[in-house]
Amino acid sequence: LDAFFVSVEQVLNPELSGKPVVVGGKPDRRGVVAAASYEARAFGLHSGMPLITASRLCPQAIFIEGHFQRYRDASMKFMAILADFSPFLEPMGLDEAYLDATGFESIHGSSRQMAEKIRKRVKDKLGLAASVGISSCKIVAKVASDQAKPDGLLEVPAGTERFFLSTLPVA
């Protein structure tokens, strides 16, 4: 899920949509950015950055305290949506999971069709954007998902993983 904590806050408070938003606390206190909207990221803000640095880089940002229960609730709903598509679900934190789609083509269509259905359901039911990477390998799927952000889908067909990865910076 893209900019998960911020996205949950924006769903609950639509006035925050389209604005530079930081979840993590107030910049006059010690702490770090837990999540930054894409509008805030345009100013160089990122997770783990000290709040005071974030406020210097983007003084117009809206800084809000985190609401972990809200994020946990949204995560549970997200994981339930994924579980509807395959029982082979491996959560990786609140906002990310690996899903093995092997053998479910007769129910959901191709992996790409399944991913589109998942993204649509997440958007319709939760109001959240989900980026998806499809590959025969978890690591490549994760990299593809990161490359698809925000709100995209990238499929790396079997046999093309080496080429896909070779086009990216080592970092």
C-alpha atoms as a PDB file:
ATOM      1  CA  LEU A   1       0.000   0.000   0.000  1.00  0.00           C
ATOM      2  CA  ASP A   2       1.375   3.376  -1.013  1.00  0.00           C
ATOM      3  CA  ALA A   3       2.339   5.883   1.725  1.00  0.00           C
ATOM      4  CA  PHE A   4       0.179   3.734   3.980  1.00  0.00           C
ATOM      5  CA  PHE A   5      -0.115   5.737   7.216  1.00  0.00           C
ATOM      6  CA  VAL A   6      -0.641   9.002   5.323  1.00  0.00           C
ATOM      7  CA  SER A   7      -3.102   7.369   2.933  1.00  0.00           C
ATOM      8  CA  VAL A   8      -5.217   6.066   5.819  1.00  0.00           C
ATOM      9  CA  GLU A   9      -5.248   9.557   7.341  1.00  0.00           C
ATOM     10  CA  GLN A  10      -6.257  11.047   3.968  1.00  0.00           C
ATOM     11  CA  VAL A  11      -9.142   8.583   3.602  1.00  0.00           C
ATOM     12  CA  LEU A  12     -10.400   9.554   7.059  1.00  0.00           C
ATOM     13  CA  ASN A  13      -9.788  13.272   6.463  1.00  0.00           C
ATOM     14  CA  PRO A  14     -10.133  14.063   2.730  1.00  0.00           C
ATOM     15  CA  GLU A  15      -8.986  17.666   3.357  1.00  0.00           C
ATOM     16  CA  LEU A  16      -5.461  16.216   3.602  1.00  0.00           C
ATOM     17  CA  SER A  17      -5.570  14.804   0.054  1.00  0.00           C
ATOM     18  CA  GLY A  18      -3.161  16.367  -2.393  1.00  0.00           C
ATOM     19  CA  LYS A  19      -1.191  18.095   0.364  1.00  0.00           C
ATOM     20  CA  PRO A  20       2.250  17.472   1.837  1.00  0.00           C
ATOM     21  CA  VAL A  21       1.443  15.372   4.911  1.00  0.00           C
ATOM     22  CA  VAL A  22       3.787  13.766   7.414  1.00  0.00           C
ATOM     23  CA  VAL A  23       2.773  11.136   9.954  1.00  0.00           C
ATOM     24  CA  GLY A  24       5.106  10.853  12.909  1.00  0.00           C
ATOM     25  CA  GLY A  25       4.471  13.707  15.272  1.00  0.00           C
ATOM     26  CA  LYS A  26       5.034  17.403  15.662  1.00  0.00           C
ATOM     27  CA  PRO A  27       8.289  18.866  14.349  1.00  0.00           C
ATOM     28  CA  ASP A  28       9.013  20.650  17.633  1.00  0.00           C
ATOM     29  CA  ARG A  29       9.380  17.264  19.343  1.00  0.00           C
ATOM     30  CA  ARG A  30      11.910  14.509  18.900  1.00  0.00           C
ATOM     31  CA  GLY A  31      10.879  11.861  16.447  1.00  0.00           C
ATOM     32  CA  VAL A  32      11.072  10.692  12.884  1.00  0.00           C
ATOM     33  CA  VAL A  33       8.868  10.625   9.823  1.00  0.00           C
ATOM     34  CA  ALA A  34       6.839   7.404   9.875  1.00  0.00           C
ATOM     35  CA  ALA A  35       5.277   8.153   6.481  1.00  0.00           C
ATOM     36  CA  ALA A  36       5.209  11.035   4.025  1.00  0.00           C
ATOM     37  CA  SER A  37       2.716  11.750   1.268  1.00  0.00           C
ATOM     38  CA  TYR A  38       4.040  11.851  -2.271  1.00  0.00           C
ATOM     39  CA  GLU A  39       3.530  15.622  -2.193  1.00  0.00           C
ATOM     40  CA  ALA A  40       5.898  15.793   0.805  1.00  0.00           C
ATOM     41  CA  ARG A  41       8.339  13.363  -0.812  1.00  0.00           C
ATOM     42  CA  ALA A  42       8.737  15.849  -3.662  1.00  0.00           C
ATOM     43  CA  PHE A  43      10.596  18.035  -1.110  1.00  0.00           C
ATOM     44  CA  GLY A  44      12.946  15.190  -0.188  1.00  0.00           C
ATOM     45  CA  LEU A  45      11.060  13.905   2.853  1.00  0.00           C
ATOM     46  CA  HIS A  46      11.218  10.181   3.572  1.00  0.00           C
ATOM     47  CA  SER A  47      10.566   7.648   6.315  1.00  0.00           C
ATOM     48  CA  GLY A  48      13.112   7.681   9.101  1.00  0.00           C
ATOM     49  CA  MET A  49      14.046  11.330   8.587  1.00  0.00           C
ATOM     50  CA  PRO A  50      14.100  13.462  11.760  1.00  0.00           C
ATOM     51  CA  LEU A  51      10.923  15.543  12.033  1.00  0.00           C
ATOM     52  CA  ILE A  52      12.906  18.750  12.501  1.00  0.00           C
ATOM     53  CA  THR A  53      14.737  18.126   9.208  1.00  0.00           C
ATOM     54  CA  ALA A  54      11.437  17.378   7.484  1.00  0.00           C
ATOM     55  CA  SER A  55       9.981  20.665   8.728  1.00  0.00           C
ATOM     56  CA  ARG A  56      13.008  22.584   7.405  1.00  0.00           C
ATOM     57  CA  LEU A  57      12.733  20.935   3.976  1.00  0.00           C
ATOM     58  CA  CYS A  58       8.961  21.345   3.764  1.00  0.00           C
ATOM     59  CA  PRO A  59       7.693  23.984   6.228  1.00  0.00           C
ATOM     60  CA  GLN A  60       4.226  23.907   4.641  1.00  0.00           C
ATOM     61  CA  ALA A  61       3.800  20.201   5.478  1.00  0.00           C
ATOM     62  CA  ILE A  62       0.979  19.136   7.735  1.00  0.00           C
ATOM     63  CA  PHE A  63       2.458  17.142  10.618  1.00  0.00           C
ATOM     64  CA  ILE A  64       0.166  14.731  12.429  1.00  0.00           C
ATOM     65  CA  GLU A  65       0.554  12.208  15.206  1.00  0.00           C
ATOM     66  CA  GLY A  66       0.245   8.582  14.216  1.00  0.00           C
ATOM     67  CA  HIS A  67      -2.891   6.588  15.012  1.00  0.00           C
ATOM     68  CA  PHE A  68      -1.673   3.008  15.114  1.00  0.00           C
ATOM     69  CA  GLN A  69      -5.103   1.471  15.717  1.00  0.00           C
ATOM     70  CA  ARG A  70      -6.391   3.072  12.507  1.00  0.00           C
ATOM     71  CA  TYR A  71      -3.486   1.584  10.567  1.00  0.00           C
ATOM     72  CA  ARG A  72      -3.928  -1.825  12.160  1.00  0.00           C
ATOM     73  CA  ASP A  73      -7.642  -1.821  11.273  1.00  0.00           C
ATOM     74  CA  ALA A  74      -6.913  -0.850   7.661  1.00  0.00           C
ATOM     75  CA  SER A  75      -4.192  -3.505   7.506  1.00  0.00           C
ATOM     76  CA  MET A  76      -6.542  -6.231   8.715  1.00  0.00           C
ATOM     77  CA  LYS A  77      -9.069  -5.271   6.031  1.00  0.00           C
ATOM     78  CA  PHE A  78      -6.314  -5.223   3.400  1.00  0.00           C
ATOM     79  CA  MET A  79      -5.043  -8.665   4.393  1.00  0.00           C
ATOM     80  CA  ALA A  80      -8.627 -10.007   4.324  1.00  0.00           C
ATOM     81  CA  ILE A  81      -8.986  -8.785   0.745  1.00  0.00           C
ATOM     82  CA  LEU A  82      -5.751 -10.524  -0.228  1.00  0.00           C
ATOM     83  CA  ALA A  83      -6.834 -13.740   1.512  1.00  0.00           C
ATOM     84  CA  ASP A  84      -9.959 -13.775  -0.666  1.00  0.00           C
ATOM     85  CA  PHE A  85      -7.696 -14.260  -3.677  1.00  0.00           C
ATOM     86  CA  SER A  86      -5.275 -16.883  -2.364  1.00  0.00           C
ATOM     87  CA  PRO A  87      -4.690 -18.691   0.925  1.00  0.00           C
ATOM     88  CA  PHE A  88      -0.946 -18.472   0.238  1.00  0.00           C
ATOM     89  CA  LEU A  89      -0.460 -15.087   1.867  1.00  0.00           C
ATOM     90  CA  GLU A  90       2.732 -13.925   3.551  1.00  0.00           C
ATOM     91  CA  PRO A  91       2.256 -10.547   5.304  1.00  0.00           C
ATOM     92  CA  MET A  92       5.347  -8.361   5.523  1.00  0.00           C
ATOM     93  CA  GLY A  93       4.289  -5.721   8.015  1.00  0.00           C
ATOM     94  CA  LEU A  94       1.034  -3.806   8.033  1.00  0.00           C
ATOM     95  CA  ASP A  95       1.013  -2.583   4.459  1.00  0.00           C
ATOM     96  CA  GLU A  96       2.743  -5.208   2.384  1.00  0.00           C
ATOM     97  CA  ALA A  97       2.401  -8.898   1.577  1.00  0.00           C
ATOM     98  CA  TYR A  98       3.464 -11.582  -0.838  1.00  0.00           C
ATOM     99  CA  LEU A  99       0.651 -13.532  -2.445  1.00  0.00           C
ATOM    100  CA  ASP A 100       1.207 -16.758  -4.369  1.00  0.00           C
ATOM    101  CA  ALA A 101      -1.289 -16.810  -7.233  1.00  0.00           C
ATOM    102  CA  THR A 102      -0.117 -20.140  -8.671  1.00  0.00           C
ATOM    103  CA  GLY A 103      -3.049 -22.365  -9.562  1.00  0.00           C
ATOM    104  CA  PHE A 104      -5.745 -19.709  -9.220  1.00  0.00           C
ATOM    105  CA  GLU A 105      -5.879 -18.761 -12.904  1.00  0.00           C
ATOM    106  CA  SER A 106      -9.158 -20.624 -13.435  1.00  0.00           C
ATOM    107  CA  ILE A 107     -10.788 -18.504 -10.731  1.00  0.00           C
ATOM    108  CA  HIS A 108      -9.196 -15.081 -11.187  1.00  0.00           C
ATOM    109  CA  GLY A 109      -7.620 -15.142 -14.652  1.00  0.00           C
ATOM    110  CA  SER A 110      -3.954 -14.356 -15.226  1.00  0.00           C
ATOM    111  CA  SER A 111      -1.736 -13.037 -12.440  1.00  0.00           C
ATOM    112  CA  ARG A 112      -2.084  -9.578 -13.972  1.00  0.00           C
ATOM    113  CA  GLN A 113      -5.890  -9.815 -14.050  1.00  0.00           C
ATOM    114  CA  MET A 114      -5.855 -10.999 -10.445  1.00  0.00           C
ATOM    115  CA  ALA A 115      -3.612  -8.072  -9.450  1.00  0.00           C
ATOM    116  CA  GLU A 116      -5.932  -5.593 -11.157  1.00  0.00           C
ATOM    117  CA  LYS A 117      -8.918  -7.081  -9.309  1.00  0.00           C
ATOM    118  CA  ILE A 118      -7.043  -6.789  -6.020  1.00  0.00           C
ATOM    119  CA  ARG A 119      -6.048  -3.185  -6.687  1.00  0.00           C
ATOM    120  CA  LYS A 120      -9.628  -2.284  -7.620  1.00  0.00           C
ATOM    121  CA  ARG A 121     -11.087  -3.935  -4.535  1.00  0.00           C
ATOM    122  CA  VAL A 122      -8.548  -2.234  -2.254  1.00  0.00           C
ATOM    123  CA  LYS A 123      -9.398   1.134  -3.838  1.00  0.00           C
ATOM    124  CA  ASP A 124     -13.174   0.537  -3.734  1.00  0.00           C
ATOM    125  CA  LYS A 125     -13.360  -0.923  -0.203  1.00  0.00           C
ATOM    126  CA  LEU A 126     -10.563   0.947   1.575  1.00  0.00           C
ATOM    127  CA  GLY A 127      -9.952   4.017  -0.582  1.00  0.00           C
ATOM    128  CA  LEU A 128      -6.236   3.152  -0.668  1.00  0.00           C
ATOM    129  CA  ALA A 129      -3.822   2.889  -3.579  1.00  0.00           C
ATOM    130  CA  ALA A 130      -1.901  -0.353  -3.926  1.00  0.00           C
ATOM    131  CA  SER A 131       1.156  -0.861  -6.079  1.00  0.00           C
ATOM    132  CA  VAL A 132       1.793  -4.404  -7.257  1.00  0.00           C
ATOM    133  CA  GLY A 133       4.841  -6.206  -8.553  1.00  0.00           C
ATOM    134  CA  ILE A 134       4.365  -9.542 -10.301  1.00  0.00           C
ATOM    135  CA  SER A 135       7.191 -12.008 -10.759  1.00  0.00           C
ATOM    136  CA  SER A 136       8.082 -15.641 -10.250  1.00  0.00           C
ATOM    137  CA  CYS A 137      10.461 -14.527  -7.473  1.00  0.00           C
ATOM    138  CA  LYS A 138       9.613 -12.593  -4.288  1.00  0.00           C
ATOM    139  CA  ILE A 139      12.629 -10.301  -4.448  1.00  0.00           C
ATOM    140  CA  VAL A 140      11.931  -9.294  -8.033  1.00  0.00           C
ATOM    141  CA  ALA A 141       8.233  -8.821  -7.215  1.00  0.00           C
ATOM    142  CA  LYS A 142       9.199  -6.459  -4.367  1.00  0.00           C
ATOM    143  CA  VAL A 143      11.518  -4.430  -6.605  1.00  0.00           C
ATOM    144  CA  ALA A 144       8.833  -4.319  -9.318  1.00  0.00           C
ATOM    145  CA  SER A 145       6.283  -3.104  -6.779  1.00  0.00           C
ATOM    146  CA  ASP A 146       8.636  -0.312  -5.700  1.00  0.00           C
ATOM    147  CA  GLN A 147       9.186   0.627  -9.355  1.00  0.00           C
ATOM    148  CA  ALA A 148       5.404   0.726  -9.925  1.00  0.00           C
ATOM    149  CA  LYS A 149       4.773   3.300  -7.172  1.00  0.00           C
ATOM    150  CA  PRO A 150       2.642   5.201  -6.840  1.00  0.00           C
ATOM    151  CA  ASP A 151      -0.548   3.316  -7.625  1.00  0.00           C
ATOM    152  CA  GLY A 152       0.804   1.110 -10.368  1.00  0.00           C
ATOM    153  CA  LEU A 153       1.394  -2.436 -11.487  1.00  0.00           C
ATOM    154  CA  LEU A 154       4.539  -3.879 -13.017  1.00  0.00           C
ATOM    155  CA  GLU A 155       4.866  -7.443 -14.243  1.00  0.00           C
ATOM    156  CA  VAL A 156       8.280  -8.999 -14.831  1.00  0.00           C
ATOM    157  CA  PRO A 157       7.684 -12.082 -16.991  1.00  0.00           C
ATOM    158  CA  ALA A 158       9.526 -15.282 -16.136  1.00  0.00           C
ATOM    159  CA  GLY A 159      12.903 -15.359 -17.811  1.00  0.00           C
ATOM    160  CA  THR A 160      13.277 -11.559 -17.935  1.00  0.00           C
ATOM    161  CA  GLU A 161      14.237 -11.005 -14.286  1.00  0.00           C
ATOM    162  CA  ARG A 162      17.951 -10.563 -15.032  1.00  0.00           C
ATOM    163  CA  PHE A 163      17.295  -7.949 -17.712  1.00  0.00           C
ATOM    164  CA  PHE A 164      14.785  -6.103 -15.496  1.00  0.00           C
ATOM    165  CA  LEU A 165      17.217  -5.919 -12.583  1.00  0.00           C
ATOM    166  CA  SER A 166      20.203  -5.012 -14.778  1.00  0.00           C
ATOM    167  CA  THR A 167      18.504  -1.765 -15.838  1.00  0.00           C
ATOM    168  CA  LEU A 168      18.281  -0.527 -12.234  1.00  0.00           C
ATOM    169  CA  PRO A 169      20.896   1.166 -10.071  1.00  0.00           C
ATOM    170  CA  VAL A 170      22.648  -1.208  -7.658  1.00  0.00           C
ATOM    171  CA  ALA A 171      21.149   0.653  -4.693  1.00  0.00           C
END
